[in-house]
Amino acid sequence: MPHAVPNLSLLCLGTGRGATAVYDGEPSSAAALLADGKPILLVDAGFGVVRACKRDFGYVPQTILITHNHSDHAAELPVILAAESDRGRRPRVIAAPDVANRLRTHRLHELESTNQPLSYFCDWQEPTTSDPIALSDTLSITLLSARHSEPCFGFILEESGRAIFAYGGDSACDPNYYDQLWAAPSVVLDARSKANAEHAGFDEVAAYCADRPERELWITGYGRADQAPGDLRALRVGDTIDLTPAD
C-alpha cells in the first residue's frame, strides 16, 4: 500500500536579524518543520528562539539544524544543550562540516567547563552537501551552500525523493544558489530592504523571480515586523506554510 504522507507545514518562529532580539525584543529568524502538527525539525537557535518554541510547543524540538554560526542563528545553542541535558534529553544537532567546526570552536566553547564531551550533550551530526539527512522514513533534507560571510547552508526538503520545499538561510543574491532552491515549489529566502555582501535585497529577489518559473515564495530575515517587504510576501511570526505535497 502507498505510504501515508503526513500533513507537513513550516511555522515561522521569528524573522529578526542581528540586533532585532537584543534591541527590539523580537525573536531571531527561525522556523519549525511540523509533521501532523508536531515539530520534527527546528531551523536555527538564535536569540529568543527557545521562548518561541516554549510558547508554541512547550519544549525545544529534538532535532535542530544550525545554518551558520552568527548569533541570530546559533546564540542559544550552548544553553539549549546544557539545559536539555539537565532535563534528561539529548537533542540531535545537524550542521554542515564547515559550520560545525565554527560552532565547536567558538559557540560551544563554554561547555568545556563541564568537562563533558560534546557527545554527552547531543547527537552531533556533520553531513556533507551530498548526504541526504533523514527526518523520517520518507522525509529528508539535503544541505546547499549559501553565499554569506560565514559558512552557511540552506536546504531542500524532500518527501520520498521529491523536492517539496527549499529554505535559503542567510545569503547574498546569488542566481546560481537560487537556481538550486528553485527545484522546490515552495521557497523561503532571506532578504532585507538594502542589499549587502551578506544578504539579498528585496529588489534583487524580485528581479530574480521576474525571469524564473513562478514559485510560492516567502521572505524572512528582514528584521522587525515593520521592516517587512511591501511587494514580496513576508513571513511573520506565527505564520504557517502548508507543505503537504499534492497527490
C-alpha atoms as a PDB file:
ATOM      1  CA  MET A   1       0.000   0.000   0.000  1.00  0.00           C
ATOM      2  CA  PRO A   2       1.209   3.569  -0.620  1.00  0.00           C
ATOM      3  CA  HIS A   3       2.612   5.235   2.476  1.00  0.00           C
ATOM      4  CA  ALA A   4       0.526   7.874   4.219  1.00  0.00           C
ATOM      5  CA  VAL A   5       2.045  11.327   3.735  1.00  0.00           C
ATOM      6  CA  PRO A   6       1.852  13.389   6.939  1.00  0.00           C
ATOM      7  CA  ASN A   7       0.414  16.873   6.925  1.00  0.00           C
ATOM      8  CA  LEU A   8       3.539  18.994   6.583  1.00  0.00           C
ATOM      9  CA  SER A   9       3.911  22.662   7.421  1.00  0.00           C
ATOM     10  CA  LEU A  10       6.511  25.268   8.312  1.00  0.00           C
ATOM     11  CA  LEU A  11       5.844  27.516  11.310  1.00  0.00           C
ATOM     12  CA  CYS A  12       7.653  30.860  11.449  1.00  0.00           C
ATOM     13  CA  LEU A  13       9.145  31.414  14.915  1.00  0.00           C
ATOM     14  CA  GLY A  14      10.977  34.652  14.147  1.00  0.00           C
ATOM     15  CA  THR A  15      12.172  36.944  11.373  1.00  0.00           C
ATOM     16  CA  GLY A  16      14.753  39.004  13.254  1.00  0.00           C
ATOM     17  CA  ARG A  17      18.225  39.917  12.150  1.00  0.00           C
ATOM     18  CA  GLY A  18      21.336  40.540  14.252  1.00  0.00           C
ATOM     19  CA  ALA A  19      20.091  43.335  16.521  1.00  0.00           C
ATOM     20  CA  THR A  20      16.354  42.650  16.431  1.00  0.00           C
ATOM     21  CA  ALA A  21      16.032  40.439  19.513  1.00  0.00           C
ATOM     22  CA  VAL A  22      18.613  42.347  21.545  1.00  0.00           C
ATOM     23  CA  TYR A  23      17.253  45.849  20.860  1.00  0.00           C
ATOM     24  CA  ASP A  24      13.601  45.246  19.966  1.00  0.00           C
ATOM     25  CA  GLY A  25      12.654  42.017  21.734  1.00  0.00           C
ATOM     26  CA  GLU A  26      11.505  40.191  18.599  1.00  0.00           C
ATOM     27  CA  PRO A  27      12.929  36.669  18.044  1.00  0.00           C
ATOM     28  CA  SER A  28      15.707  35.942  15.588  1.00  0.00           C
ATOM     29  CA  SER A  29      14.989  34.220  12.283  1.00  0.00           C
ATOM     30  CA  ALA A  30      13.936  30.639  12.901  1.00  0.00           C
ATOM     31  CA  ALA A  31      11.301  28.158  11.814  1.00  0.00           C
ATOM     32  CA  ALA A  32       9.997  24.723  12.722  1.00  0.00           C
ATOM     33  CA  LEU A  33       9.028  21.962  10.337  1.00  0.00           C
ATOM     34  CA  LEU A  34       5.854  20.245  11.533  1.00  0.00           C
ATOM     35  CA  ALA A  35       4.503  16.809  10.641  1.00  0.00           C
ATOM     36  CA  ASP A  36       0.881  16.300  11.658  1.00  0.00           C
ATOM     37  CA  GLY A  37       1.218  19.335  13.905  1.00  0.00           C
ATOM     38  CA  LYS A  38       4.287  18.132  15.799  1.00  0.00           C
ATOM     39  CA  PRO A  39       7.737  19.729  15.344  1.00  0.00           C
ATOM     40  CA  ILE A  40      10.268  17.400  13.753  1.00  0.00           C
ATOM     41  CA  LEU A  41      12.947  19.980  12.915  1.00  0.00           C
ATOM     42  CA  LEU A  42      13.963  23.316  14.438  1.00  0.00           C
ATOM     43  CA  VAL A  43      15.783  25.515  11.935  1.00  0.00           C
ATOM     44  CA  ASP A  44      18.250  27.702  13.859  1.00  0.00           C
ATOM     45  CA  ALA A  45      18.503  28.664  17.519  1.00  0.00           C
ATOM     46  CA  GLY A  46      19.306  32.350  17.720  1.00  0.00           C
ATOM     47  CA  PHE A  47      18.167  34.916  20.288  1.00  0.00           C
ATOM     48  CA  GLY A  48      14.605  34.417  21.531  1.00  0.00           C
ATOM     49  CA  VAL A  49      14.026  31.105  19.778  1.00  0.00           C
ATOM     50  CA  VAL A  50      13.737  28.955  22.915  1.00  0.00           C
ATOM     51  CA  ARG A  51      10.955  31.198  24.225  1.00  0.00           C
ATOM     52  CA  ALA A  52       9.196  30.944  20.875  1.00  0.00           C
ATOM     53  CA  CYS A  53       9.442  27.140  20.987  1.00  0.00           C
ATOM     54  CA  LYS A  54       8.115  27.017  24.533  1.00  0.00           C
ATOM     55  CA  ARG A  55       5.244  29.301  23.549  1.00  0.00           C
ATOM     56  CA  ASP A  56       4.231  27.211  20.536  1.00  0.00           C
ATOM     57  CA  PHE A  57       5.161  23.649  21.597  1.00  0.00           C
ATOM     58  CA  GLY A  58       6.050  23.732  25.272  1.00  0.00           C
ATOM     59  CA  TYR A  59       9.537  22.376  24.525  1.00  0.00           C
ATOM     60  CA  VAL A  60      12.516  22.619  22.177  1.00  0.00           C
ATOM     61  CA  PRO A  61      12.252  20.183  19.220  1.00  0.00           C
ATOM     62  CA  GLN A  62      14.513  17.149  19.389  1.00  0.00           C
ATOM     63  CA  THR A  63      16.247  17.759  16.038  1.00  0.00           C
ATOM     64  CA  ILE A  64      17.963  21.108  15.435  1.00  0.00           C
ATOM     65  CA  LEU A  65      19.583  22.330  12.217  1.00  0.00           C
ATOM     66  CA  ILE A  66      22.029  25.230  12.550  1.00  0.00           C
ATOM     67  CA  THR A  67      22.520  27.018   9.226  1.00  0.00           C
ATOM     68  CA  HIS A  68      25.521  29.052  10.421  1.00  0.00           C
ATOM     69  CA  ASN A  69      27.327  30.419  13.475  1.00  0.00           C
ATOM     70  CA  HIS A  70      26.082  34.017  13.642  1.00  0.00           C
ATOM     71  CA  SER A  71      24.402  34.839  16.955  1.00  0.00           C
ATOM     72  CA  ASP A  72      20.967  35.412  15.448  1.00  0.00           C
ATOM     73  CA  HIS A  73      21.055  31.780  14.284  1.00  0.00           C
ATOM     74  CA  ALA A  74      23.069  29.953  16.948  1.00  0.00           C
ATOM     75  CA  ALA A  75      23.336  32.063  20.136  1.00  0.00           C
ATOM     76  CA  GLU A  76      21.083  29.875  22.273  1.00  0.00           C
ATOM     77  CA  LEU A  77      22.570  26.533  21.193  1.00  0.00           C
ATOM     78  CA  PRO A  78      25.004  26.064  24.133  1.00  0.00           C
ATOM     79  CA  VAL A  79      22.261  26.945  26.618  1.00  0.00           C
ATOM     80  CA  ILE A  80      19.876  24.523  24.928  1.00  0.00           C
ATOM     81  CA  LEU A  81      22.382  21.683  25.122  1.00  0.00           C
ATOM     82  CA  ALA A  82      23.183  22.291  28.787  1.00  0.00           C
ATOM     83  CA  ALA A  83      19.550  22.796  29.837  1.00  0.00           C
ATOM     84  CA  GLU A  84      18.186  19.854  27.860  1.00  0.00           C
ATOM     85  CA  SER A  85      20.902  17.633  29.340  1.00  0.00           C
ATOM     86  CA  ASP A  86      19.697  18.624  32.813  1.00  0.00           C
ATOM     87  CA  ARG A  87      16.212  17.527  31.732  1.00  0.00           C
ATOM     88  CA  GLY A  88      17.481  14.137  30.602  1.00  0.00           C
ATOM     89  CA  ARG A  89      17.156  14.956  26.893  1.00  0.00           C
ATOM     90  CA  ARG A  90      19.872  14.617  24.262  1.00  0.00           C
ATOM     91  CA  PRO A  91      18.996  16.614  21.117  1.00  0.00           C
ATOM     92  CA  ARG A  92      20.159  15.785  17.627  1.00  0.00           C
ATOM     93  CA  VAL A  93      22.150  18.708  16.190  1.00  0.00           C
ATOM     94  CA  ILE A  94      22.809  18.908  12.448  1.00  0.00           C
ATOM     95  CA  ALA A  95      25.363  21.257  10.884  1.00  0.00           C
ATOM     96  CA  ALA A  96      27.456  21.111   7.733  1.00  0.00           C
ATOM     97  CA  PRO A  97      31.144  20.365   8.495  1.00  0.00           C
ATOM     98  CA  ASP A  98      32.339  23.960   7.970  1.00  0.00           C
ATOM     99  CA  VAL A  99      29.540  25.265  10.192  1.00  0.00           C
ATOM    100  CA  ALA A 100      30.096  22.522  12.772  1.00  0.00           C
ATOM    101  CA  ASN A 101      33.755  23.459  13.082  1.00  0.00           C
ATOM    102  CA  ARG A 102      32.837  27.085  13.807  1.00  0.00           C
ATOM    103  CA  LEU A 103      30.236  26.039  16.349  1.00  0.00           C
ATOM    104  CA  ARG A 104      32.547  23.664  18.188  1.00  0.00           C
ATOM    105  CA  THR A 105      35.455  26.119  18.235  1.00  0.00           C
ATOM    106  CA  HIS A 106      33.606  29.321  19.096  1.00  0.00           C
ATOM    107  CA  ARG A 107      29.938  28.915  20.004  1.00  0.00           C
ATOM    108  CA  LEU A 108      30.209  25.838  22.219  1.00  0.00           C
ATOM    109  CA  HIS A 109      33.469  26.680  23.943  1.00  0.00           C
ATOM    110  CA  GLU A 110      31.624  27.472  27.175  1.00  0.00           C
ATOM    111  CA  LEU A 111      30.572  23.824  27.518  1.00  0.00           C
ATOM    112  CA  GLU A 112      34.205  22.870  28.093  1.00  0.00           C
ATOM    113  CA  SER A 113      33.845  23.950  31.733  1.00  0.00           C
ATOM    114  CA  THR A 114      31.561  20.946  32.274  1.00  0.00           C
ATOM    115  CA  ASN A 115      34.435  18.534  31.469  1.00  0.00           C
ATOM    116  CA  GLN A 116      31.970  16.559  29.360  1.00  0.00           C
ATOM    117  CA  PRO A 117      32.457  15.708  25.666  1.00  0.00           C
ATOM    118  CA  LEU A 118      30.032  17.179  23.145  1.00  0.00           C
ATOM    119  CA  SER A 119      28.580  13.691  22.649  1.00  0.00           C
ATOM    120  CA  TYR A 120      27.326  13.849  26.235  1.00  0.00           C
ATOM    121  CA  PHE A 121      25.005  16.737  25.339  1.00  0.00           C
ATOM    122  CA  CYS A 122      23.765  15.803  21.891  1.00  0.00           C
ATOM    123  CA  ASP A 123      23.867  13.525  18.885  1.00  0.00           C
ATOM    124  CA  TRP A 124      26.178  15.702  16.779  1.00  0.00           C
ATOM    125  CA  GLN A 125      25.929  15.167  13.006  1.00  0.00           C
ATOM    126  CA  GLU A 126      28.004  16.770  10.246  1.00  0.00           C
ATOM    127  CA  PRO A 127      26.551  15.691   6.884  1.00  0.00           C
ATOM    128  CA  THR A 128      28.117  16.823   3.639  1.00  0.00           C
ATOM    129  CA  THR A 129      26.059  18.568   0.974  1.00  0.00           C
ATOM    130  CA  SER A 130      25.772  15.265  -0.910  1.00  0.00           C
ATOM    131  CA  ASP A 131      24.301  13.348   2.034  1.00  0.00           C
ATOM    132  CA  PRO A 132      20.501  13.376   2.474  1.00  0.00           C
ATOM    133  CA  ILE A 133      19.621  13.719   6.152  1.00  0.00           C
ATOM    134  CA  ALA A 134      16.701  11.524   7.182  1.00  0.00           C
ATOM    135  CA  LEU A 135      13.988  13.139   9.287  1.00  0.00           C
ATOM    136  CA  SER A 136      11.564  10.204   8.984  1.00  0.00           C
ATOM    137  CA  ASP A 137      11.036   7.149   6.800  1.00  0.00           C
ATOM    138  CA  THR A 138      10.054   9.358   3.846  1.00  0.00           C
ATOM    139  CA  LEU A 139      11.321  12.863   4.684  1.00  0.00           C
ATOM    140  CA  SER A 140      14.887  14.090   4.255  1.00  0.00           C
ATOM    141  CA  ILE A 141      16.815  17.316   3.782  1.00  0.00           C
ATOM    142  CA  THR A 142      19.877  17.986   1.661  1.00  0.00           C
ATOM    143  CA  LEU A 143      22.134  20.935   2.507  1.00  0.00           C
ATOM    144  CA  LEU A 144      23.087  23.602  -0.030  1.00  0.00           C
ATOM    145  CA  SER A 145      25.919  26.100   0.358  1.00  0.00           C
ATOM    146  CA  ALA A 146      24.748  29.723   0.502  1.00  0.00           C
ATOM    147  CA  ARG A 147      26.736  32.920  -0.133  1.00  0.00           C
ATOM    148  CA  HIS A 148      27.436  34.570   3.200  1.00  0.00           C
ATOM    149  CA  SER A 149      30.316  35.929   5.313  1.00  0.00           C
ATOM    150  CA  GLU A 150      30.195  32.786   7.492  1.00  0.00           C
ATOM    151  CA  PRO A 151      29.887  29.266   6.090  1.00  0.00           C
ATOM    152  CA  CYS A 152      26.106  28.997   5.746  1.00  0.00           C
ATOM    153  CA  PHE A 153      23.817  26.312   4.372  1.00  0.00           C
ATOM    154  CA  GLY A 154      20.198  26.250   3.320  1.00  0.00           C
ATOM    155  CA  PHE A 155      18.415  23.055   2.405  1.00  0.00           C
ATOM    156  CA  ILE A 156      15.951  21.239   0.175  1.00  0.00           C
ATOM    157  CA  LEU A 157      13.235  19.188   1.888  1.00  0.00           C
ATOM    158  CA  GLU A 158      12.259  16.033   0.018  1.00  0.00           C
ATOM    159  CA  GLU A 159       9.392  13.615   0.519  1.00  0.00           C
ATOM    160  CA  SER A 160      10.196  10.191  -0.971  1.00  0.00           C
ATOM    161  CA  GLY A 161      12.834  11.825  -3.169  1.00  0.00           C
ATOM    162  CA  ARG A 162      10.552  14.619  -4.407  1.00  0.00           C
ATOM    163  CA  ALA A 163      11.580  18.206  -3.640  1.00  0.00           C
ATOM    164  CA  ILE A 164       8.726  19.934  -1.826  1.00  0.00           C
ATOM    165  CA  PHE A 165      10.340  22.892  -0.048  1.00  0.00           C
ATOM    166  CA  ALA A 166      13.531  24.985  -0.028  1.00  0.00           C
ATOM    167  CA  TYR A 167      14.925  27.127   2.778  1.00  0.00           C
ATOM    168  CA  GLY A 168      17.689  29.507   1.747  1.00  0.00           C
ATOM    169  CA  GLY A 169      19.240  30.560   5.056  1.00  0.00           C
ATOM    170  CA  ASP A 170      21.226  33.801   5.049  1.00  0.00           C
ATOM    171  CA  SER A 171      22.630  34.579   1.621  1.00  0.00           C
ATOM    172  CA  ALA A 172      23.503  37.409  -0.688  1.00  0.00           C
ATOM    173  CA  CYS A 173      21.689  37.356  -4.007  1.00  0.00           C
ATOM    174  CA  ASP A 174      23.254  34.513  -5.959  1.00  0.00           C
ATOM    175  CA  PRO A 175      21.387  33.251  -9.046  1.00  0.00           C
ATOM    176  CA  ASN A 176      23.366  30.001  -9.071  1.00  0.00           C
ATOM    177  CA  TYR A 177      22.331  29.292  -5.486  1.00  0.00           C
ATOM    178  CA  TYR A 178      18.742  30.392  -6.056  1.00  0.00           C
ATOM    179  CA  ASP A 179      18.536  28.116  -9.117  1.00  0.00           C
ATOM    180  CA  GLN A 180      19.171  25.132  -6.831  1.00  0.00           C
ATOM    181  CA  LEU A 181      16.457  26.254  -4.411  1.00  0.00           C
ATOM    182  CA  TRP A 182      14.035  26.703  -7.310  1.00  0.00           C
ATOM    183  CA  ALA A 183      13.897  22.910  -7.652  1.00  0.00           C
ATOM    184  CA  ALA A 184      11.167  23.059  -4.989  1.00  0.00           C
ATOM    185  CA  PRO A 185       7.678  24.537  -5.466  1.00  0.00           C
ATOM    186  CA  SER A 186       7.824  26.499  -2.186  1.00  0.00           C
ATOM    187  CA  VAL A 187      10.820  28.630  -1.174  1.00  0.00           C
ATOM    188  CA  VAL A 188      11.781  30.788   1.818  1.00  0.00           C
ATOM    189  CA  LEU A 189      14.550  33.333   1.221  1.00  0.00           C
ATOM    190  CA  ASP A 190      16.420  35.731   3.478  1.00  0.00           C
ATOM    191  CA  ALA A 191      16.280  39.337   2.249  1.00  0.00           C
ATOM    192  CA  ARG A 192      16.446  42.900   3.539  1.00  0.00           C
ATOM    193  CA  SER A 193      15.437  46.343   2.362  1.00  0.00           C
ATOM    194  CA  LYS A 194      19.005  47.141   1.306  1.00  0.00           C
ATOM    195  CA  ALA A 195      21.310  44.545  -0.229  1.00  0.00           C
ATOM    196  CA  ASN A 196      24.813  43.968   1.066  1.00  0.00           C
ATOM    197  CA  ALA A 197      27.570  41.369   0.709  1.00  0.00           C
ATOM    198  CA  GLU A 198      25.789  39.006   3.123  1.00  0.00           C
ATOM    199  CA  HIS A 199      22.088  39.491   2.420  1.00  0.00           C
ATOM    200  CA  ALA A 200      19.968  39.884  -0.682  1.00  0.00           C
ATOM    201  CA  GLY A 201      17.867  42.998  -1.147  1.00  0.00           C
ATOM    202  CA  PHE A 202      14.130  42.898  -1.749  1.00  0.00           C
ATOM    203  CA  ASP A 203      14.616  44.389  -5.223  1.00  0.00           C
ATOM    204  CA  GLU A 204      17.243  41.757  -6.123  1.00  0.00           C
ATOM    205  CA  VAL A 205      14.922  38.913  -5.161  1.00  0.00           C
ATOM    206  CA  ALA A 206      12.071  40.473  -7.121  1.00  0.00           C
ATOM    207  CA  ALA A 207      14.309  40.853 -10.191  1.00  0.00           C
ATOM    208  CA  TYR A 208      15.430  37.215  -9.961  1.00  0.00           C
ATOM    209  CA  CYS A 209      11.839  35.970  -9.660  1.00  0.00           C
ATOM    210  CA  ALA A 210      10.695  38.005 -12.653  1.00  0.00           C
ATOM    211  CA  ASP A 211      12.680  35.831 -15.056  1.00  0.00           C
ATOM    212  CA  ARG A 212      12.144  32.440 -13.413  1.00  0.00           C
ATOM    213  CA  PRO A 213       9.342  29.888 -13.060  1.00  0.00           C
ATOM    214  CA  GLU A 214       6.784  31.023 -10.513  1.00  0.00           C
ATOM    215  CA  ARG A 215       7.202  29.644  -7.004  1.00  0.00           C
ATOM    216  CA  GLU A 216       5.400  30.087  -3.715  1.00  0.00           C
ATOM    217  CA  LEU A 217       7.946  32.497  -2.230  1.00  0.00           C
ATOM    218  CA  TRP A 218       8.205  33.953   1.274  1.00  0.00           C
ATOM    219  CA  ILE A 219      10.776  36.360   2.721  1.00  0.00           C
ATOM    220  CA  THR A 220      12.305  36.100   6.204  1.00  0.00           C
ATOM    221  CA  GLY A 221      15.320  37.577   7.977  1.00  0.00           C
ATOM    222  CA  TYR A 222      14.204  41.137   7.244  1.00  0.00           C
ATOM    223  CA  GLY A 223      14.188  42.199  10.906  1.00  0.00           C
ATOM    224  CA  ARG A 224      11.301  43.762  12.855  1.00  0.00           C
ATOM    225  CA  ALA A 225       7.719  43.388  11.681  1.00  0.00           C
ATOM    226  CA  ASP A 226       7.718  46.985  10.383  1.00  0.00           C
ATOM    227  CA  GLN A 227      10.748  46.217   8.179  1.00  0.00           C
ATOM    228  CA  ALA A 228       8.917  43.564   6.144  1.00  0.00           C
ATOM    229  CA  PRO A 229       8.871  43.920   2.356  1.00  0.00           C
ATOM    230  CA  GLY A 230       5.892  45.602   0.755  1.00  0.00           C
ATOM    231  CA  ASP A 231       5.990  43.959  -2.671  1.00  0.00           C
ATOM    232  CA  LEU A 232       7.085  40.452  -1.647  1.00  0.00           C
ATOM    233  CA  ARG A 233       5.241  38.052   0.643  1.00  0.00           C
ATOM    234  CA  ALA A 234       6.717  38.372   4.133  1.00  0.00           C
ATOM    235  CA  LEU A 235       6.722  35.569   6.661  1.00  0.00           C
ATOM    236  CA  ARG A 236       5.585  36.849  10.029  1.00  0.00           C
ATOM    237  CA  VAL A 237       5.838  35.278  13.457  1.00  0.00           C
ATOM    238  CA  GLY A 238       3.123  32.643  13.763  1.00  0.00           C
ATOM    239  CA  ASP A 239       2.585  32.248  10.012  1.00  0.00           C
ATOM    240  CA  THR A 240       2.285  28.666   8.781  1.00  0.00           C
ATOM    241  CA  ILE A 241       3.116  27.456   5.270  1.00  0.00           C
ATOM    242  CA  ASP A 242       1.346  24.298   4.126  1.00  0.00           C
ATOM    243  CA  LEU A 243       3.964  21.977   2.603  1.00  0.00           C
ATOM    244  CA  THR A 244       1.905  18.807   2.184  1.00  0.00           C
ATOM    245  CA  PRO A 245       2.634  17.598  -1.368  1.00  0.00           C
ATOM    246  CA  ALA A 246      -0.263  17.244  -3.759  1.00  0.00           C
ATOM    247  CA  ASP A 247      -1.034  13.699  -4.919  1.00  0.00           C
END
